[in-house]
Full PDB file with SEQRES, HELIX, SHEET, SSBOND, CRYST1, ORIGX, SCALE, CONECT and MASTER records, all heavy atoms in Angstrom:
SEQRES   1 A   42  TYR LYS ALA THR GLY GLY SER CYS GLY GLY CYS SER TYR          
SEQRES   2 A   42  ALA GLY THR TYR SER GLU THR LYS CYS GLN THR GLY CYS          
SEQRES   3 A   42  GLY ASP VAL SER GLN ARG TYR TYR HIS VAL PRO ARG SER          
SEQRES   4 A   42  TRP LEU ASN                                                  
HELIX    1 AA1 ARG A   38  TRP A   40  5                                   3    
SSBOND   1 CYS A    8    CYS A   26                          1555   1555  1.93  
SSBOND   2 CYS A   11    CYS A   22                          1555   1555  1.70  
CRYST1    1.000    1.000    1.000  90.00  90.00  90.00 P 1           1          
ORIGX1      1.000000  0.000000  0.000000        0.00000                         
ORIGX2      0.000000  1.000000  0.000000        0.00000                         
ORIGX3      0.000000  0.000000  1.000000        0.00000                         
SCALE1      1.000000  0.000000  0.000000        0.00000                         
SCALE2      0.000000  1.000000  0.000000        0.00000                         
SCALE3      0.000000  0.000000  1.000000        0.00000                         
ATOM      1  N   TYR A   1       6.075   8.472   4.586  1.00  0.00           N  
ATOM      2  CA  TYR A   1       4.815   7.733   4.565  1.00  0.00           C  
ATOM      3  C   TYR A   1       4.786   6.940   3.262  1.00  0.00           C  
ATOM      4  O   TYR A   1       4.794   7.509   2.174  1.00  0.00           O  
ATOM      5  CB  TYR A   1       3.665   8.738   4.618  1.00  0.00           C  
ATOM      6  CG  TYR A   1       2.304   8.218   5.008  1.00  0.00           C  
ATOM      7  CD1 TYR A   1       1.402   9.059   5.667  1.00  0.00           C  
ATOM      8  CD2 TYR A   1       1.891   6.932   4.712  1.00  0.00           C  
ATOM      9  CE1 TYR A   1       0.132   8.628   6.027  1.00  0.00           C  
ATOM     10  CE2 TYR A   1       0.629   6.489   5.066  1.00  0.00           C  
ATOM     11  CZ  TYR A   1      -0.250   7.344   5.719  1.00  0.00           C  
ATOM     12  OH  TYR A   1      -1.500   6.905   6.062  1.00  0.00           O  
ATOM     13  N   LYS A   2       4.737   5.621   3.347  1.00  0.00           N  
ATOM     14  CA  LYS A   2       4.766   4.798   2.143  1.00  0.00           C  
ATOM     15  C   LYS A   2       3.388   4.732   1.498  1.00  0.00           C  
ATOM     16  O   LYS A   2       2.369   4.691   2.190  1.00  0.00           O  
ATOM     17  CB  LYS A   2       5.276   3.393   2.465  1.00  0.00           C  
ATOM     18  CG  LYS A   2       6.758   3.373   2.806  1.00  0.00           C  
ATOM     19  CD  LYS A   2       7.291   1.956   2.890  1.00  0.00           C  
ATOM     20  CE  LYS A   2       8.801   1.974   3.143  1.00  0.00           C  
ATOM     21  NZ  LYS A   2       9.364   0.602   3.212  1.00  0.00           N  
ATOM     22  N   ALA A   3       3.404   4.734   0.183  1.00  0.00           N  
ATOM     23  CA  ALA A   3       2.165   4.713  -0.583  1.00  0.00           C  
ATOM     24  C   ALA A   3       1.459   3.378  -0.391  1.00  0.00           C  
ATOM     25  O   ALA A   3       2.044   2.316  -0.605  1.00  0.00           O  
ATOM     26  CB  ALA A   3       2.448   4.955  -2.062  1.00  0.00           C  
ATOM     27  N   THR A   4       0.220   3.457   0.018  1.00  0.00           N  
ATOM     28  CA  THR A   4      -0.614   2.267   0.131  1.00  0.00           C  
ATOM     29  C   THR A   4      -1.700   2.350  -0.928  1.00  0.00           C  
ATOM     30  O   THR A   4      -2.267   3.410  -1.173  1.00  0.00           O  
ATOM     31  CB  THR A   4      -1.253   2.168   1.519  1.00  0.00           C  
ATOM     32  OG1 THR A   4      -1.982   3.378   1.784  1.00  0.00           O  
ATOM     33  CG2 THR A   4      -0.194   1.996   2.590  1.00  0.00           C  
ATOM     34  N   GLY A   5      -1.999   1.228  -1.568  1.00  0.00           N  
ATOM     35  CA  GLY A   5      -2.974   1.267  -2.646  1.00  0.00           C  
ATOM     36  C   GLY A   5      -2.358   1.847  -3.902  1.00  0.00           C  
ATOM     37  O   GLY A   5      -1.144   1.888  -4.081  1.00  0.00           O  
ATOM     38  N   GLY A   6      -3.197   2.329  -4.789  1.00  0.00           N  
ATOM     39  CA  GLY A   6      -2.720   2.868  -6.062  1.00  0.00           C  
ATOM     40  C   GLY A   6      -2.503   1.755  -7.070  1.00  0.00           C  
ATOM     41  O   GLY A   6      -2.554   0.568  -6.752  1.00  0.00           O  
ATOM     42  N   SER A   7      -2.271   2.158  -8.306  1.00  0.00           N  
ATOM     43  CA  SER A   7      -2.027   1.208  -9.392  1.00  0.00           C  
ATOM     44  C   SER A   7      -0.833   1.698 -10.186  1.00  0.00           C  
ATOM     45  O   SER A   7      -0.886   2.741 -10.826  1.00  0.00           O  
ATOM     46  CB  SER A   7      -3.262   1.097 -10.297  1.00  0.00           C  
ATOM     47  OG  SER A   7      -3.020   0.245 -11.396  1.00  0.00           O  
ATOM     48  N   CYS A   8       0.269   0.944 -10.128  1.00  0.00           N  
ATOM     49  CA  CYS A   8       1.512   1.363 -10.759  1.00  0.00           C  
ATOM     50  C   CYS A   8       1.907   0.433 -11.903  1.00  0.00           C  
ATOM     51  O   CYS A   8       3.093   0.232 -12.175  1.00  0.00           O  
ATOM     52  CB  CYS A   8       2.629   1.446  -9.726  1.00  0.00           C  
ATOM     53  SG  CYS A   8       2.383   2.744  -8.498  1.00  0.00           S  
ATOM     54  N   GLY A   9       0.936  -0.147 -12.567  1.00  0.00           N  
ATOM     55  CA  GLY A   9       1.234  -0.979 -13.726  1.00  0.00           C  
ATOM     56  C   GLY A   9       1.509  -0.127 -14.952  1.00  0.00           C  
ATOM     57  O   GLY A   9       1.818   1.064 -14.868  1.00  0.00           O  
ATOM     58  N   GLY A  10       1.385  -0.738 -16.130  1.00  0.00           N  
ATOM     59  CA  GLY A  10       1.610   0.003 -17.366  1.00  0.00           C  
ATOM     60  C   GLY A  10       0.601   1.119 -17.537  1.00  0.00           C  
ATOM     61  O   GLY A  10      -0.520   1.068 -17.026  1.00  0.00           O  
ATOM     62  N   CYS A  11       1.004   2.152 -18.257  1.00  0.00           N  
ATOM     63  CA  CYS A  11       0.141   3.320 -18.443  1.00  0.00           C  
ATOM     64  C   CYS A  11       0.049   3.663 -19.922  1.00  0.00           C  
ATOM     65  O   CYS A  11       1.045   4.025 -20.553  1.00  0.00           O  
ATOM     66  CB  CYS A  11       0.691   4.512 -17.664  1.00  0.00           C  
ATOM     67  SG  CYS A  11      -0.208   6.048 -17.992  1.00  0.00           S  
ATOM     68  N   SER A  12      -1.136   3.557 -20.482  1.00  0.00           N  
ATOM     69  CA  SER A  12      -1.359   3.978 -21.857  1.00  0.00           C  
ATOM     70  C   SER A  12      -1.839   5.424 -21.861  1.00  0.00           C  
ATOM     71  O   SER A  12      -2.691   5.807 -21.053  1.00  0.00           O  
ATOM     72  CB  SER A  12      -2.410   3.083 -22.528  1.00  0.00           C  
ATOM     73  OG  SER A  12      -2.797   3.630 -23.783  1.00  0.00           O  
ATOM     74  N   TYR A  13      -1.285   6.219 -22.769  1.00  0.00           N  
ATOM     75  CA  TYR A  13      -1.721   7.617 -22.857  1.00  0.00           C  
ATOM     76  C   TYR A  13      -3.152   7.707 -23.382  1.00  0.00           C  
ATOM     77  O   TYR A  13      -3.840   8.705 -23.155  1.00  0.00           O  
ATOM     78  CB  TYR A  13      -0.800   8.407 -23.806  1.00  0.00           C  
ATOM     79  CG  TYR A  13      -1.029   8.091 -25.270  1.00  0.00           C  
ATOM     80  CD1 TYR A  13      -1.995   8.754 -26.006  1.00  0.00           C  
ATOM     81  CD2 TYR A  13      -0.285   7.097 -25.902  1.00  0.00           C  
ATOM     82  CE1 TYR A  13      -2.214   8.443 -27.350  1.00  0.00           C  
ATOM     83  CE2 TYR A  13      -0.490   6.785 -27.226  1.00  0.00           C  
ATOM     84  CZ  TYR A  13      -1.454   7.458 -27.949  1.00  0.00           C  
ATOM     85  OH  TYR A  13      -1.682   7.152 -29.264  1.00  0.00           O  
ATOM     86  N   ALA A  14      -3.614   6.673 -24.111  1.00  0.00           N  
ATOM     87  CA  ALA A  14      -4.904   6.731 -24.795  1.00  0.00           C  
ATOM     88  C   ALA A  14      -6.050   6.492 -23.822  1.00  0.00           C  
ATOM     89  O   ALA A  14      -5.950   5.674 -22.914  1.00  0.00           O  
ATOM     90  CB  ALA A  14      -4.947   5.709 -25.927  1.00  0.00           C  
ATOM     91  N   GLY A  15      -7.127   7.202 -24.027  1.00  0.00           N  
ATOM     92  CA  GLY A  15      -8.291   7.076 -23.169  1.00  0.00           C  
ATOM     93  C   GLY A  15      -8.335   8.162 -22.112  1.00  0.00           C  
ATOM     94  O   GLY A  15      -7.335   8.809 -21.810  1.00  0.00           O  
ATOM     95  N   THR A  16      -9.512   8.360 -21.561  1.00  0.00           N  
ATOM     96  CA  THR A  16      -9.731   9.451 -20.621  1.00  0.00           C  
ATOM     97  C   THR A  16      -8.828   9.318 -19.396  1.00  0.00           C  
ATOM     98  O   THR A  16      -8.757   8.259 -18.769  1.00  0.00           O  
ATOM     99  CB  THR A  16     -11.208   9.482 -20.183  1.00  0.00           C  
ATOM    100  OG1 THR A  16     -12.028   9.612 -21.339  1.00  0.00           O  
ATOM    101  CG2 THR A  16     -11.467  10.640 -19.236  1.00  0.00           C  
ATOM    102  N   TYR A  17      -8.168  10.409 -19.068  1.00  0.00           N  
ATOM    103  CA  TYR A  17      -7.212  10.413 -17.955  1.00  0.00           C  
ATOM    104  C   TYR A  17      -7.924  10.774 -16.652  1.00  0.00           C  
ATOM    105  O   TYR A  17      -8.857  11.577 -16.613  1.00  0.00           O  
ATOM    106  CB  TYR A  17      -6.106  11.430 -18.224  1.00  0.00           C  
ATOM    107  CG  TYR A  17      -5.118  11.564 -17.083  1.00  0.00           C  
ATOM    108  CD1 TYR A  17      -4.107  10.621 -16.902  1.00  0.00           C  
ATOM    109  CD2 TYR A  17      -5.210  12.606 -16.164  1.00  0.00           C  
ATOM    110  CE1 TYR A  17      -3.213  10.719 -15.839  1.00  0.00           C  
ATOM    111  CE2 TYR A  17      -4.321  12.713 -15.111  1.00  0.00           C  
ATOM    112  CZ  TYR A  17      -3.332  11.770 -14.958  1.00  0.00           C  
ATOM    113  OH  TYR A  17      -2.457  11.867 -13.908  1.00  0.00           O  
ATOM    114  N   SER A  18      -7.458  10.182 -15.551  1.00  0.00           N  
ATOM    115  CA  SER A  18      -7.823  10.597 -14.195  1.00  0.00           C  
ATOM    116  C   SER A  18      -6.562  10.542 -13.345  1.00  0.00           C  
ATOM    117  O   SER A  18      -5.557   9.935 -13.737  1.00  0.00           O  
ATOM    118  CB  SER A  18      -8.903   9.689 -13.604  1.00  0.00           C  
ATOM    119  OG  SER A  18      -8.363   8.416 -13.291  1.00  0.00           O  
ATOM    120  N   GLU A  19      -6.619  11.137 -12.160  1.00  0.00           N  
ATOM    121  CA  GLU A  19      -5.416  11.243 -11.329  1.00  0.00           C  
ATOM    122  C   GLU A  19      -4.912   9.899 -10.824  1.00  0.00           C  
ATOM    123  O   GLU A  19      -3.776   9.800 -10.358  1.00  0.00           O  
ATOM    124  CB  GLU A  19      -5.665  12.185 -10.146  1.00  0.00           C  
ATOM    125  CG  GLU A  19      -6.716  11.736  -9.166  1.00  0.00           C  
ATOM    126  CD  GLU A  19      -8.121  12.194  -9.530  1.00  0.00           C  
ATOM    127  OE1 GLU A  19      -8.353  12.513 -10.721  1.00  0.00           O  
ATOM    128  OE2 GLU A  19      -8.973  12.223  -8.629  1.00  0.00           O  
ATOM    129  N   THR A  20      -5.732   8.859 -10.918  1.00  0.00           N  
ATOM    130  CA  THR A  20      -5.298   7.537 -10.467  1.00  0.00           C  
ATOM    131  C   THR A  20      -4.874   6.633 -11.616  1.00  0.00           C  
ATOM    132  O   THR A  20      -4.535   5.468 -11.379  1.00  0.00           O  
ATOM    133  CB  THR A  20      -6.436   6.846  -9.678  1.00  0.00           C  
ATOM    134  OG1 THR A  20      -7.582   6.709 -10.534  1.00  0.00           O  
ATOM    135  CG2 THR A  20      -6.818   7.661  -8.444  1.00  0.00           C  
ATOM    136  N   LYS A  21      -4.878   7.145 -12.835  1.00  0.00           N  
ATOM    137  CA  LYS A  21      -4.624   6.284 -13.992  1.00  0.00           C  
ATOM    138  C   LYS A  21      -3.154   5.921 -14.154  1.00  0.00           C  
ATOM    139  O   LYS A  21      -2.820   4.759 -14.419  1.00  0.00           O  
ATOM    140  CB  LYS A  21      -5.140   6.959 -15.271  1.00  0.00           C  
ATOM    141  CG  LYS A  21      -4.954   6.113 -16.529  1.00  0.00           C  
ATOM    142  CD  LYS A  21      -5.456   6.831 -17.768  1.00  0.00           C  
ATOM    143  CE  LYS A  21      -5.238   5.971 -19.008  1.00  0.00           C  
ATOM    144  NZ  LYS A  21      -5.651   6.664 -20.246  1.00  0.00           N  
ATOM    145  N   CYS A  22      -2.267   6.881 -14.057  1.00  0.00           N  
ATOM    146  CA  CYS A  22      -0.841   6.661 -14.322  1.00  0.00           C  
ATOM    147  C   CYS A  22      -0.050   7.059 -13.077  1.00  0.00           C  
ATOM    148  O   CYS A  22       0.124   8.258 -12.812  1.00  0.00           O  
ATOM    149  CB  CYS A  22      -0.377   7.476 -15.531  1.00  0.00           C  
ATOM    150  SG  CYS A  22      -1.228   7.042 -17.070  1.00  0.00           S  
ATOM    151  N   GLN A  23       0.417   6.069 -12.333  1.00  0.00           N  
ATOM    152  CA  GLN A  23       1.085   6.339 -11.067  1.00  0.00           C  
ATOM    153  C   GLN A  23       2.396   5.575 -10.971  1.00  0.00           C  
ATOM    154  O   GLN A  23       2.580   4.540 -11.610  1.00  0.00           O  
ATOM    155  CB  GLN A  23       0.177   5.927  -9.894  1.00  0.00           C  
ATOM    156  CG  GLN A  23      -1.132   6.690  -9.825  1.00  0.00           C  
ATOM    157  CD  GLN A  23      -2.022   6.180  -8.705  1.00  0.00           C  
ATOM    158  OE1 GLN A  23      -2.197   4.986  -8.522  1.00  0.00           O  
ATOM    159  NE2 GLN A  23      -2.595   7.100  -7.941  1.00  0.00           N  
ATOM    160  N   THR A  24       3.300   6.114 -10.161  1.00  0.00           N  
ATOM    161  CA  THR A  24       4.544   5.429  -9.825  1.00  0.00           C  
ATOM    162  C   THR A  24       4.732   5.470  -8.314  1.00  0.00           C  
ATOM    163  O   THR A  24       4.082   6.248  -7.616  1.00  0.00           O  
ATOM    164  CB  THR A  24       5.761   6.087 -10.504  1.00  0.00           C  
ATOM    165  OG1 THR A  24       5.864   7.452 -10.058  1.00  0.00           O  
ATOM    166  CG2 THR A  24       5.638   6.059 -12.019  1.00  0.00           C  
ATOM    167  N   GLY A  25       5.634   4.623  -7.823  1.00  0.00           N  
ATOM    168  CA  GLY A  25       5.986   4.653  -6.409  1.00  0.00           C  
ATOM    169  C   GLY A  25       5.065   3.885  -5.500  1.00  0.00           C  
ATOM    170  O   GLY A  25       5.094   4.111  -4.279  1.00  0.00           O  
ATOM    171  N   CYS A  26       4.252   2.969  -6.034  1.00  0.00           N  
ATOM    172  CA  CYS A  26       3.396   2.175  -5.154  1.00  0.00           C  
ATOM    173  C   CYS A  26       4.261   1.384  -4.176  1.00  0.00           C  
ATOM    174  O   CYS A  26       5.235   0.738  -4.569  1.00  0.00           O  
ATOM    175  CB  CYS A  26       2.536   1.223  -5.983  1.00  0.00           C  
ATOM    176  SG  CYS A  26       1.325   2.047  -7.038  1.00  0.00           S  
ATOM    177  N   GLY A  27       3.930   1.455  -2.897  1.00  0.00           N  
ATOM    178  CA  GLY A  27       4.696   0.764  -1.875  1.00  0.00           C  
ATOM    179  C   GLY A  27       5.964   1.463  -1.457  1.00  0.00           C  
ATOM    180  O   GLY A  27       6.687   0.982  -0.579  1.00  0.00           O  
ATOM    181  N   ASP A  28       6.254   2.611  -2.057  1.00  0.00           N  
ATOM    182  CA  ASP A  28       7.465   3.359  -1.732  1.00  0.00           C  
ATOM    183  C   ASP A  28       7.084   4.642  -1.002  1.00  0.00           C  
ATOM    184  O   ASP A  28       5.908   5.002  -0.896  1.00  0.00           O  
ATOM    185  CB  ASP A  28       8.234   3.676  -3.018  1.00  0.00           C  
ATOM    186  CG  ASP A  28       9.719   3.963  -2.759  1.00  0.00           C  
ATOM    187  OD1 ASP A  28      10.104   4.014  -1.583  1.00  0.00           O  
ATOM    188  OD2 ASP A  28      10.462   4.138  -3.744  1.00  0.00           O  
ATOM    189  N   VAL A  29       8.093   5.361  -0.516  1.00  0.00           N  
ATOM    190  CA  VAL A  29       7.860   6.635   0.160  1.00  0.00           C  
ATOM    191  C   VAL A  29       7.238   7.630  -0.826  1.00  0.00           C  
ATOM    192  O   VAL A  29       7.742   7.805  -1.935  1.00  0.00           O  
ATOM    193  CB  VAL A  29       9.185   7.188   0.721  1.00  0.00           C  
ATOM    194  CG1 VAL A  29       8.996   8.578   1.281  1.00  0.00           C  
ATOM    195  CG2 VAL A  29       9.731   6.247   1.788  1.00  0.00           C  
ATOM    196  N   SER A  30       6.147   8.272  -0.408  1.00  0.00           N  
ATOM    197  CA  SER A  30       5.447   9.191  -1.306  1.00  0.00           C  
ATOM    198  C   SER A  30       6.342  10.344  -1.744  1.00  0.00           C  
ATOM    199  O   SER A  30       6.331  10.738  -2.915  1.00  0.00           O  
ATOM    200  CB  SER A  30       4.187   9.738  -0.637  1.00  0.00           C  
ATOM    201  OG  SER A  30       3.289   8.697  -0.333  1.00  0.00           O  
ATOM    202  N   GLN A  31       7.078  10.939  -0.824  1.00  0.00           N  
ATOM    203  CA  GLN A  31       8.033  11.994  -1.163  1.00  0.00           C  
ATOM    204  C   GLN A  31       9.357  11.701  -0.482  1.00  0.00           C  
ATOM    205  O   GLN A  31       9.423  11.629   0.754  1.00  0.00           O  
ATOM    206  CB  GLN A  31       7.535  13.380  -0.755  1.00  0.00           C  
ATOM    207  CG  GLN A  31       8.519  14.478  -1.174  1.00  0.00           C  
ATOM    208  CD  GLN A  31       8.044  15.888  -0.864  1.00  0.00           C  
ATOM    209  OE1 GLN A  31       6.888  16.112  -0.521  1.00  0.00           O  
ATOM    210  NE2 GLN A  31       8.946  16.849  -0.979  1.00  0.00           N  
ATOM    211  N   ARG A  32      10.382  11.566  -1.282  1.00  0.00           N  
ATOM    212  CA  ARG A  32      11.718  11.252  -0.765  1.00  0.00           C  
ATOM    213  C   ARG A  32      12.592  12.496  -0.678  1.00  0.00           C  
ATOM    214  O   ARG A  32      13.356  12.659   0.273  1.00  0.00           O  
ATOM    215  CB  ARG A  32      12.383  10.225  -1.668  1.00  0.00           C  
ATOM    216  CG  ARG A  32      13.811   9.882  -1.282  1.00  0.00           C  
ATOM    217  CD  ARG A  32      14.378   8.760  -2.126  1.00  0.00           C  
ATOM    218  NE  ARG A  32      15.745   8.430  -1.741  1.00  0.00           N  
ATOM    219  CZ  ARG A  32      16.446   7.418  -2.239  1.00  0.00           C  
ATOM    220  NH1 ARG A  32      15.894   6.633  -3.164  1.00  0.00           N  
ATOM    221  NH2 ARG A  32      17.688   7.187  -1.819  1.00  0.00           N  
ATOM    222  N   TYR A  33      12.490  13.390  -1.676  1.00  0.00           N  
ATOM    223  CA  TYR A  33      13.395  14.533  -1.776  1.00  0.00           C  
ATOM    224  C   TYR A  33      12.667  15.841  -1.466  1.00  0.00           C  
ATOM    225  O   TYR A  33      11.515  16.035  -1.874  1.00  0.00           O  
ATOM    226  CB  TYR A  33      14.003  14.611  -3.181  1.00  0.00           C  
ATOM    227  CG  TYR A  33      14.800  13.374  -3.556  1.00  0.00           C  
ATOM    228  CD1 TYR A  33      14.288  12.428  -4.440  1.00  0.00           C  
ATOM    229  CD2 TYR A  33      16.062  13.146  -3.006  1.00  0.00           C  
ATOM    230  CE1 TYR A  33      15.013  11.291  -4.782  1.00  0.00           C  
ATOM    231  CE2 TYR A  33      16.792  12.012  -3.339  1.00  0.00           C  
ATOM    232  CZ  TYR A  33      16.256  11.087  -4.226  1.00  0.00           C  
ATOM    233  OH  TYR A  33      16.971   9.964  -4.545  1.00  0.00           O  
ATOM    234  N   TYR A  34      13.375  16.752  -0.784  1.00  0.00           N  
ATOM    235  CA  TYR A  34      12.807  18.024  -0.352  1.00  0.00           C  
ATOM    236  C   TYR A  34      13.698  19.164  -0.830  1.00  0.00           C  
ATOM    237  O   TYR A  34      14.886  19.238  -0.497  1.00  0.00           O  
ATOM    238  CB  TYR A  34      12.643  18.028   1.174  1.00  0.00           C  
ATOM    239  CG  TYR A  34      11.604  17.022   1.607  1.00  0.00           C  
ATOM    240  CD1 TYR A  34      11.918  15.666   1.701  1.00  0.00           C  
ATOM    241  CD2 TYR A  34      10.288  17.411   1.850  1.00  0.00           C  
ATOM    242  CE1 TYR A  34      10.958  14.729   2.055  1.00  0.00           C  
ATOM    243  CE2 TYR A  34       9.323  16.479   2.203  1.00  0.00           C  
ATOM    244  CZ  TYR A  34       9.656  15.144   2.304  1.00  0.00           C  
ATOM    245  OH  TYR A  34       8.696  14.222   2.639  1.00  0.00           O  
ATOM    246  N   HIS A  35      13.097  20.058  -1.608  1.00  0.00           N  
ATOM    247  CA  HIS A  35      13.826  21.129  -2.285  1.00  0.00           C  
ATOM    248  C   HIS A  35      14.397  22.136  -1.285  1.00  0.00           C  
ATOM    249  O   HIS A  35      13.688  22.622  -0.397  1.00  0.00           O  
ATOM    250  CB  HIS A  35      12.867  21.826  -3.248  1.00  0.00           C  
ATOM    251  CG  HIS A  35      13.499  22.873  -4.093  1.00  0.00           C  
ATOM    252  ND1 HIS A  35      12.771  23.863  -4.732  1.00  0.00           N  
ATOM    253  CD2 HIS A  35      14.793  23.096  -4.431  1.00  0.00           C  
ATOM    254  CE1 HIS A  35      13.597  24.637  -5.409  1.00  0.00           C  
ATOM    255  NE2 HIS A  35      14.826  24.200  -5.239  1.00  0.00           N  
ATOM    256  N   VAL A  36      15.685  22.448  -1.456  1.00  0.00           N  
ATOM    257  CA  VAL A  36      16.359  23.486  -0.670  1.00  0.00           C  
ATOM    258  C   VAL A  36      16.858  24.535  -1.667  1.00  0.00           C  
ATOM    259  O   VAL A  36      17.870  24.319  -2.346  1.00  0.00           O  
ATOM    260  CB  VAL A  36      17.546  22.926   0.134  1.00  0.00           C  
ATOM    261  CG1 VAL A  36      18.204  24.037   0.954  1.00  0.00           C  
ATOM    262  CG2 VAL A  36      17.093  21.783   1.037  1.00  0.00           C  
ATOM    263  N   PRO A  37      16.176  25.666  -1.808  1.00  0.00           N  
ATOM    264  CA  PRO A  37      16.605  26.675  -2.790  1.00  0.00           C  
ATOM    265  C   PRO A  37      18.038  27.136  -2.526  1.00  0.00           C  
ATOM    266  O   PRO A  37      18.428  27.383  -1.381  1.00  0.00           O  
ATOM    267  CB  PRO A  37      15.608  27.819  -2.576  1.00  0.00           C  
ATOM    268  CG  PRO A  37      14.399  27.158  -1.993  1.00  0.00           C  
ATOM    269  CD  PRO A  37      14.930  26.054  -1.136  1.00  0.00           C  
ATOM    270  N   ARG A  38      18.806  27.264  -3.595  1.00  0.00           N  
ATOM    271  CA  ARG A  38      20.192  27.740  -3.433  1.00  0.00           C  
ATOM    272  C   ARG A  38      20.257  29.150  -2.877  1.00  0.00           C  
ATOM    273  O   ARG A  38      21.249  29.535  -2.257  1.00  0.00           O  
ATOM    274  CB  ARG A  38      20.925  27.655  -4.773  1.00  0.00           C  
ATOM    275  CG  ARG A  38      21.474  26.258  -5.063  1.00  0.00           C  
ATOM    276  CD  ARG A  38      22.544  26.310  -6.141  1.00  0.00           C  
ATOM    277  NE  ARG A  38      23.140  24.997  -6.378  1.00  0.00           N  
ATOM    278  CZ  ARG A  38      24.271  24.577  -5.837  1.00  0.00           C  
ATOM    279  NH1 ARG A  38      24.933  25.365  -5.007  1.00  0.00           N  
ATOM    280  NH2 ARG A  38      24.753  23.377  -6.120  1.00  0.00           N  
ATOM    281  N   SER A  39      19.197  29.934  -3.079  1.00  0.00           N  
ATOM    282  CA  SER A  39      19.197  31.301  -2.551  1.00  0.00           C  
ATOM    283  C   SER A  39      19.204  31.313  -1.030  1.00  0.00           C  
ATOM    284  O   SER A  39      19.505  32.341  -0.412  1.00  0.00           O  
ATOM    285  CB  SER A  39      17.982  32.070  -3.075  1.00  0.00           C  
ATOM    286  OG  SER A  39      16.774  31.436  -2.678  1.00  0.00           O  
ATOM    287  N   TRP A  40      18.880  30.187  -0.403  1.00  0.00           N  
ATOM    288  CA  TRP A  40      18.910  30.096   1.056  1.00  0.00           C  
ATOM    289  C   TRP A  40      20.289  29.713   1.595  1.00  0.00           C  
ATOM    290  O   TRP A  40      20.516  29.750   2.800  1.00  0.00           O  
ATOM    291  CB  TRP A  40      17.913  29.037   1.539  1.00  0.00           C  
ATOM    292  CG  TRP A  40      16.478  29.380   1.306  1.00  0.00           C  
ATOM    293  CD1 TRP A  40      15.967  30.517   0.740  1.00  0.00           C  
ATOM    294  CD2 TRP A  40      15.348  28.566   1.644  1.00  0.00           C  
ATOM    295  NE1 TRP A  40      14.597  30.465   0.700  1.00  0.00           N  
ATOM    296  CE2 TRP A  40      14.182  29.287   1.240  1.00  0.00           C  
ATOM    297  CE3 TRP A  40      15.202  27.323   2.231  1.00  0.00           C  
ATOM    298  CZ2 TRP A  40      12.901  28.775   1.425  1.00  0.00           C  
ATOM    299  CZ3 TRP A  40      13.931  26.812   2.419  1.00  0.00           C  
ATOM    300  CH2 TRP A  40      12.788  27.530   2.013  1.00  0.00           C  
ATOM    301  N   LEU A  41      21.201  29.335   0.717  1.00  0.00           N  
ATOM    302  CA  LEU A  41      22.466  28.748   1.150  1.00  0.00           C  
ATOM    303  C   LEU A  41      23.614  29.745   1.131  1.00  0.00           C  
ATOM    304  O   LEU A  41      23.678  30.627   0.270  1.00  0.00           O  
ATOM    305  CB  LEU A  41      22.818  27.552   0.258  1.00  0.00           C  
ATOM    306  CG  LEU A  41      21.828  26.384   0.250  1.00  0.00           C  
ATOM    307  CD1 LEU A  41      22.332  25.279  -0.671  1.00  0.00           C  
ATOM    308  CD2 LEU A  41      21.595  25.856   1.663  1.00  0.00           C  
ATOM    309  N   ASN A  42      24.517  29.569   2.074  1.00  0.00           N  
ATOM    310  CA  ASN A  42      25.819  30.228   2.065  1.00  0.00           C  
ATOM    311  C   ASN A  42      26.842  29.235   1.521  1.00  0.00           C  
ATOM    312  O   ASN A  42      26.595  28.024   1.499  1.00  0.00           O  
ATOM    313  CB  ASN A  42      26.214  30.639   3.490  1.00  0.00           C  
ATOM    314  CG  ASN A  42      25.165  31.520   4.138  1.00  0.00           C  
ATOM    315  OD1 ASN A  42      24.685  32.464   3.533  1.00  0.00           O  
ATOM    316  ND2 ASN A  42      24.800  31.191   5.379  1.00  0.00           N  
TER     317      ASN A  42                                                      
CONECT   53  176                                                                
CONECT   67  150                                                                
CONECT  150   67                                                                
CONECT  176   53                                                                
MASTER        0    0    0    1    0    0    0    6  316    1    4    4          
END                                                                             
């Protein structure tokens, strides 16, 4: 599912943070990689 919306411009650490302040991957797949624990593998 590709990210729609969001703001992926520059991100300053200064100033009050919110979950929409510093983002990456706008227009890209929200999650590309899926963890496979080695303990599950032969």
